[in-house]
Amino acid sequence: MGNEKMIILGLILLIIGLLVGMGLLTTIGGILILVGAILWILGATGRAVGGRKHFF
């Protein structure tokens, strides 16, 4: 469940960054989306993330 929140937060920051014109928010949002998606995919395949089967 934590990965979905990371992706949603990244999407919100990305949109706000694009609307306001702040490159830093856009970059942070993109990174959060990317990391959240990678962790979500690894968790869905059953791989241990950080020594755990489920990443919280």
PDB file of N, CA and C in Angstrom:
ATOM      1  N   MET A   1       0.803  -1.201   0.000  1.00  0.00           N
ATOM      2  CA  MET A   1       0.000   0.000   0.000  1.00  0.00           C
ATOM      3  C   MET A   1       0.848   1.269   0.000  1.00  0.00           C
ATOM      4  N   GLY A   2       2.047   1.216   0.520  1.00  0.00           N
ATOM      5  CA  GLY A   2       2.882   2.399   0.596  1.00  0.00           C
ATOM      6  C   GLY A   2       3.371   2.881  -0.761  1.00  0.00           C
ATOM      7  N   ASN A   3       3.531   1.952  -1.705  1.00  0.00           N
ATOM      8  CA  ASN A   3       4.031   2.331  -3.020  1.00  0.00           C
ATOM      9  C   ASN A   3       3.006   3.141  -3.798  1.00  0.00           C
ATOM     10  N   GLU A   4       1.730   2.811  -3.627  1.00  0.00           N
ATOM     11  CA  GLU A   4       0.694   3.571  -4.313  1.00  0.00           C
ATOM     12  C   GLU A   4       0.674   5.008  -3.820  1.00  0.00           C
ATOM     13  N   LYS A   5       0.879   5.193  -2.538  1.00  0.00           N
ATOM     14  CA  LYS A   5       0.906   6.539  -1.974  1.00  0.00           C
ATOM     15  C   LYS A   5       2.102   7.322  -2.508  1.00  0.00           C
ATOM     16  N   MET A   6       3.227   6.644  -2.698  1.00  0.00           N
ATOM     17  CA  MET A   6       4.412   7.302  -3.226  1.00  0.00           C
ATOM     18  C   MET A   6       4.176   7.741  -4.666  1.00  0.00           C
ATOM     19  N   ILE A   7       3.516   6.899  -5.445  1.00  0.00           N
ATOM     20  CA  ILE A   7       3.235   7.232  -6.838  1.00  0.00           C
ATOM     21  C   ILE A   7       2.254   8.399  -6.917  1.00  0.00           C
ATOM     22  N   ILE A   8       1.216   8.374  -6.083  1.00  0.00           N
ATOM     23  CA  ILE A   8       0.229   9.458  -6.081  1.00  0.00           C
ATOM     24  C   ILE A   8       0.875  10.770  -5.648  1.00  0.00           C
ATOM     25  N   LEU A   9       1.707  10.740  -4.609  1.00  0.00           N
ATOM     26  CA  LEU A   9       2.395  11.948  -4.160  1.00  0.00           C
ATOM     27  C   LEU A   9       3.317  12.474  -5.262  1.00  0.00           C
ATOM     28  N   GLY A  10       4.014  11.585  -5.935  1.00  0.00           N
ATOM     29  CA  GLY A  10       4.886  11.985  -7.035  1.00  0.00           C
ATOM     30  C   GLY A  10       4.105  12.620  -8.170  1.00  0.00           C
ATOM     31  N   LEU A  11       2.935  12.068  -8.469  1.00  0.00           N
ATOM     32  CA  LEU A  11       2.094  12.620  -9.523  1.00  0.00           C
ATOM     33  C   LEU A  11       1.588  14.014  -9.149  1.00  0.00           C
ATOM     34  N   ILE A  12       1.185  14.191  -7.894  1.00  0.00           N
ATOM     35  CA  ILE A  12       0.723  15.500  -7.426  1.00  0.00           C
ATOM     36  C   ILE A  12       1.845  16.522  -7.508  1.00  0.00           C
ATOM     37  N   LEU A  13       3.039  16.155  -7.032  1.00  0.00           N
ATOM     38  CA  LEU A  13       4.168  17.081  -7.090  1.00  0.00           C
ATOM     39  C   LEU A  13       4.552  17.402  -8.532  1.00  0.00           C
ATOM     40  N   LEU A  14       4.478  16.408  -9.411  1.00  0.00           N
ATOM     41  CA  LEU A  14       4.800  16.625 -10.812  1.00  0.00           C
ATOM     42  C   LEU A  14       3.833  17.624 -11.443  1.00  0.00           C
ATOM     43  N   ILE A  15       2.548  17.457 -11.174  1.00  0.00           N
ATOM     44  CA  ILE A  15       1.540  18.364 -11.742  1.00  0.00           C
ATOM     45  C   ILE A  15       1.702  19.770 -11.178  1.00  0.00           C
ATOM     46  N   ILE A  16       1.897  19.881  -9.868  1.00  0.00           N
ATOM     47  CA  ILE A  16       2.085  21.201  -9.261  1.00  0.00           C
ATOM     48  C   ILE A  16       3.344  21.862  -9.820  1.00  0.00           C
ATOM     49  N   GLY A  17       4.404  21.094  -9.958  1.00  0.00           N
ATOM     50  CA  GLY A  17       5.643  21.630 -10.502  1.00  0.00           C
ATOM     51  C   GLY A  17       5.485  22.135 -11.927  1.00  0.00           C
ATOM     52  N   LEU A  18       4.705  21.416 -12.736  1.00  0.00           N
ATOM     53  CA  LEU A  18       4.477  21.854 -14.112  1.00  0.00           C
ATOM     54  C   LEU A  18       3.596  23.097 -14.161  1.00  0.00           C
ATOM     55  N   LEU A  19       2.572  23.153 -13.312  1.00  0.00           N
ATOM     56  CA  LEU A  19       1.668  24.299 -13.313  1.00  0.00           C
ATOM     57  C   LEU A  19       2.340  25.567 -12.803  1.00  0.00           C
ATOM     58  N   VAL A  20       3.149  25.431 -11.751  1.00  0.00           N
ATOM     59  CA  VAL A  20       3.790  26.594 -11.143  1.00  0.00           C
ATOM     60  C   VAL A  20       5.085  26.953 -11.877  1.00  0.00           C
ATOM     61  N   GLY A  21       5.670  25.992 -12.558  1.00  0.00           N
ATOM     62  CA  GLY A  21       6.907  26.241 -13.279  1.00  0.00           C
ATOM     63  C   GLY A  21       8.150  26.024 -12.437  1.00  0.00           C
ATOM     64  N   MET A  22       8.018  25.227 -11.375  1.00  0.00           N
ATOM     65  CA  MET A  22       9.171  24.930 -10.512  1.00  0.00           C
ATOM     66  C   MET A  22       9.787  23.603 -10.948  1.00  0.00           C
ATOM     67  N   GLY A  23      10.990  23.691 -11.478  1.00  0.00           N
ATOM     68  CA  GLY A  23      11.677  22.498 -11.960  1.00  0.00           C
ATOM     69  C   GLY A  23      12.009  21.509 -10.855  1.00  0.00           C
ATOM     70  N   LEU A  24      12.261  22.023  -9.655  1.00  0.00           N
ATOM     71  CA  LEU A  24      12.609  21.139  -8.544  1.00  0.00           C
ATOM     72  C   LEU A  24      11.446  20.220  -8.175  1.00  0.00           C
ATOM     73  N   LEU A  25      10.235  20.773  -8.092  1.00  0.00           N
ATOM     74  CA  LEU A  25       9.066  19.945  -7.777  1.00  0.00           C
ATOM     75  C   LEU A  25       8.802  18.924  -8.876  1.00  0.00           C
ATOM     76  N   THR A  26       8.990  19.326 -10.111  1.00  0.00           N
ATOM     77  CA  THR A  26       8.799  18.408 -11.233  1.00  0.00           C
ATOM     78  C   THR A  26       9.797  17.258 -11.162  1.00  0.00           C
ATOM     79  N   THR A  27      11.039  17.570 -10.840  1.00  0.00           N
ATOM     80  CA  THR A  27      12.071  16.536 -10.738  1.00  0.00           C
ATOM     81  C   THR A  27      11.787  15.585  -9.587  1.00  0.00           C
ATOM     82  N   ILE A  28      11.454  16.126  -8.424  1.00  0.00           N
ATOM     83  CA  ILE A  28      11.158  15.280  -7.263  1.00  0.00           C
ATOM     84  C   ILE A  28       9.941  14.407  -7.538  1.00  0.00           C
ATOM     85  N   GLY A  29       8.914  14.980  -8.161  1.00  0.00           N
ATOM     86  CA  GLY A  29       7.721  14.204  -8.505  1.00  0.00           C
ATOM     87  C   GLY A  29       8.038  13.058  -9.446  1.00  0.00           C
ATOM     88  N   GLY A  30       8.847  13.328 -10.452  1.00  0.00           N
ATOM     89  CA  GLY A  30       9.231  12.278 -11.398  1.00  0.00           C
ATOM     90  C   GLY A  30      10.025  11.169 -10.738  1.00  0.00           C
ATOM     91  N   ILE A  31      10.925  11.549  -9.845  1.00  0.00           N
ATOM     92  CA  ILE A  31      11.720  10.544  -9.128  1.00  0.00           C
ATOM     93  C   ILE A  31      10.831   9.690  -8.232  1.00  0.00           C
ATOM     94  N   LEU A  32       9.885  10.317  -7.527  1.00  0.00           N
ATOM     95  CA  LEU A  32       8.979   9.552  -6.663  1.00  0.00           C
ATOM     96  C   LEU A  32       8.124   8.582  -7.466  1.00  0.00           C
ATOM     97  N   ILE A  33       7.649   9.024  -8.623  1.00  0.00           N
ATOM     98  CA  ILE A  33       6.852   8.134  -9.471  1.00  0.00           C
ATOM     99  C   ILE A  33       7.700   6.940  -9.922  1.00  0.00           C
ATOM    100  N   LEU A  34       8.911   7.206 -10.347  1.00  0.00           N
ATOM    101  CA  LEU A  34       9.794   6.147 -10.837  1.00  0.00           C
ATOM    102  C   LEU A  34      10.141   5.142  -9.741  1.00  0.00           C
ATOM    103  N   VAL A  35      10.551   5.631  -8.576  1.00  0.00           N
ATOM    104  CA  VAL A  35      10.922   4.735  -7.468  1.00  0.00           C
ATOM    105  C   VAL A  35       9.710   3.951  -6.977  1.00  0.00           C
ATOM    106  N   GLY A  36       8.564   4.628  -6.860  1.00  0.00           N
ATOM    107  CA  GLY A  36       7.346   3.938  -6.427  1.00  0.00           C
ATOM    108  C   GLY A  36       6.944   2.839  -7.390  1.00  0.00           C
ATOM    109  N   ALA A  37       7.060   3.107  -8.697  1.00  0.00           N
ATOM    110  CA  ALA A  37       6.702   2.092  -9.693  1.00  0.00           C
ATOM    111  C   ALA A  37       7.664   0.896  -9.643  1.00  0.00           C
ATOM    112  N   ILE A  38       8.946   1.175  -9.473  1.00  0.00           N
ATOM    113  CA  ILE A  38       9.926   0.080  -9.387  1.00  0.00           C
ATOM    114  C   ILE A  38       9.663  -0.788  -8.162  1.00  0.00           C
ATOM    115  N   LEU A  39       9.429  -0.150  -7.015  1.00  0.00           N
ATOM    116  CA  LEU A  39       9.154  -0.923  -5.802  1.00  0.00           C
ATOM    117  C   LEU A  39       7.839  -1.691  -5.914  1.00  0.00           C
ATOM    118  N   TRP A  40       6.856  -1.108  -6.559  1.00  0.00           N
ATOM    119  CA  TRP A  40       5.578  -1.771  -6.744  1.00  0.00           C
ATOM    120  C   TRP A  40       5.745  -3.009  -7.623  1.00  0.00           C
ATOM    121  N   ILE A  41       6.505  -2.882  -8.711  1.00  0.00           N
ATOM    122  CA  ILE A  41       6.729  -4.018  -9.605  1.00  0.00           C
ATOM    123  C   ILE A  41       7.521  -5.114  -8.899  1.00  0.00           C
ATOM    124  N   LEU A  42       8.563  -4.724  -8.166  1.00  0.00           N
ATOM    125  CA  LEU A  42       9.343  -5.736  -7.440  1.00  0.00           C
ATOM    126  C   LEU A  42       8.504  -6.444  -6.384  1.00  0.00           C
ATOM    127  N   GLY A  43       7.652  -5.693  -5.698  1.00  0.00           N
ATOM    128  CA  GLY A  43       6.779  -6.306  -4.695  1.00  0.00           C
ATOM    129  C   GLY A  43       5.748  -7.229  -5.321  1.00  0.00           C
ATOM    130  N   ALA A  44       5.253  -6.872  -6.504  1.00  0.00           N
ATOM    131  CA  ALA A  44       4.245  -7.696  -7.175  1.00  0.00           C
ATOM    132  C   ALA A  44       4.829  -9.006  -7.686  1.00  0.00           C
ATOM    133  N   THR A  45       6.120  -9.005  -8.009  1.00  0.00           N
ATOM    134  CA  THR A  45       6.736 -10.230  -8.506  1.00  0.00           C
ATOM    135  C   THR A  45       7.161 -11.162  -7.367  1.00  0.00           C
ATOM    136  N   GLY A  46       7.011 -10.708  -6.139  1.00  0.00           N
ATOM    137  CA  GLY A  46       7.338 -11.552  -4.998  1.00  0.00           C
ATOM    138  C   GLY A  46       8.777 -11.442  -4.552  1.00  0.00           C
ATOM    139  N   ARG A  47       9.538 -10.540  -5.134  1.00  0.00           N
ATOM    140  CA  ARG A  47      10.934 -10.366  -4.722  1.00  0.00           C
ATOM    141  C   ARG A  47      10.990  -9.619  -3.401  1.00  0.00           C
ATOM    142  N   ALA A  48      11.958  -9.971  -2.599  1.00  0.00           N
ATOM    143  CA  ALA A  48      12.147  -9.284  -1.328  1.00  0.00           C
ATOM    144  C   ALA A  48      12.753  -7.911  -1.581  1.00  0.00           C
ATOM    145  N   VAL A  49      12.158  -6.879  -1.010  1.00  0.00           N
ATOM    146  CA  VAL A  49      12.646  -5.513  -1.161  1.00  0.00           C
ATOM    147  C   VAL A  49      13.178  -5.065   0.189  1.00  0.00           C
ATOM    148  N   GLY A  50      14.469  -4.793   0.258  1.00  0.00           N
ATOM    149  CA  GLY A  50      15.066  -4.368   1.521  1.00  0.00           C
ATOM    150  C   GLY A  50      15.034  -5.464   2.579  1.00  0.00           C
ATOM    151  N   GLY A  51      15.107  -6.716   2.142  1.00  0.00           N
ATOM    152  CA  GLY A  51      15.094  -7.830   3.084  1.00  0.00           C
ATOM    153  C   GLY A  51      13.707  -8.251   3.514  1.00  0.00           C
ATOM    154  N   ARG A  52      12.670  -7.678   2.881  1.00  0.00           N
ATOM    155  CA  ARG A  52      11.295  -8.027   3.247  1.00  0.00           C
ATOM    156  C   ARG A  52      10.548  -8.505   2.006  1.00  0.00           C
ATOM    157  N   LYS A  53       9.592  -9.375   2.230  1.00  0.00           N
ATOM    158  CA  LYS A  53       8.750  -9.821   1.129  1.00  0.00           C
ATOM    159  C   LYS A  53       7.768  -8.737   0.733  1.00  0.00           C
ATOM    160  N   HIS A  54       7.289  -7.956   1.693  1.00  0.00           N
ATOM    161  CA  HIS A  54       6.332  -6.883   1.435  1.00  0.00           C
ATOM    162  C   HIS A  54       6.950  -5.584   1.898  1.00  0.00           C
ATOM    163  N   PHE A  55       6.968  -4.601   1.016  1.00  0.00           N
ATOM    164  CA  PHE A  55       7.513  -3.290   1.353  1.00  0.00           C
ATOM    165  C   PHE A  55       6.393  -2.408   1.889  1.00  0.00           C
ATOM    166  N   PHE A  56       6.606  -1.853   3.074  1.00  0.00           N
ATOM    167  CA  PHE A  56       5.571  -0.995   3.676  1.00  0.00           C
ATOM    168  C   PHE A  56       6.089   0.400   3.799  1.00  0.00           C
TER     169      PHE A  56
END
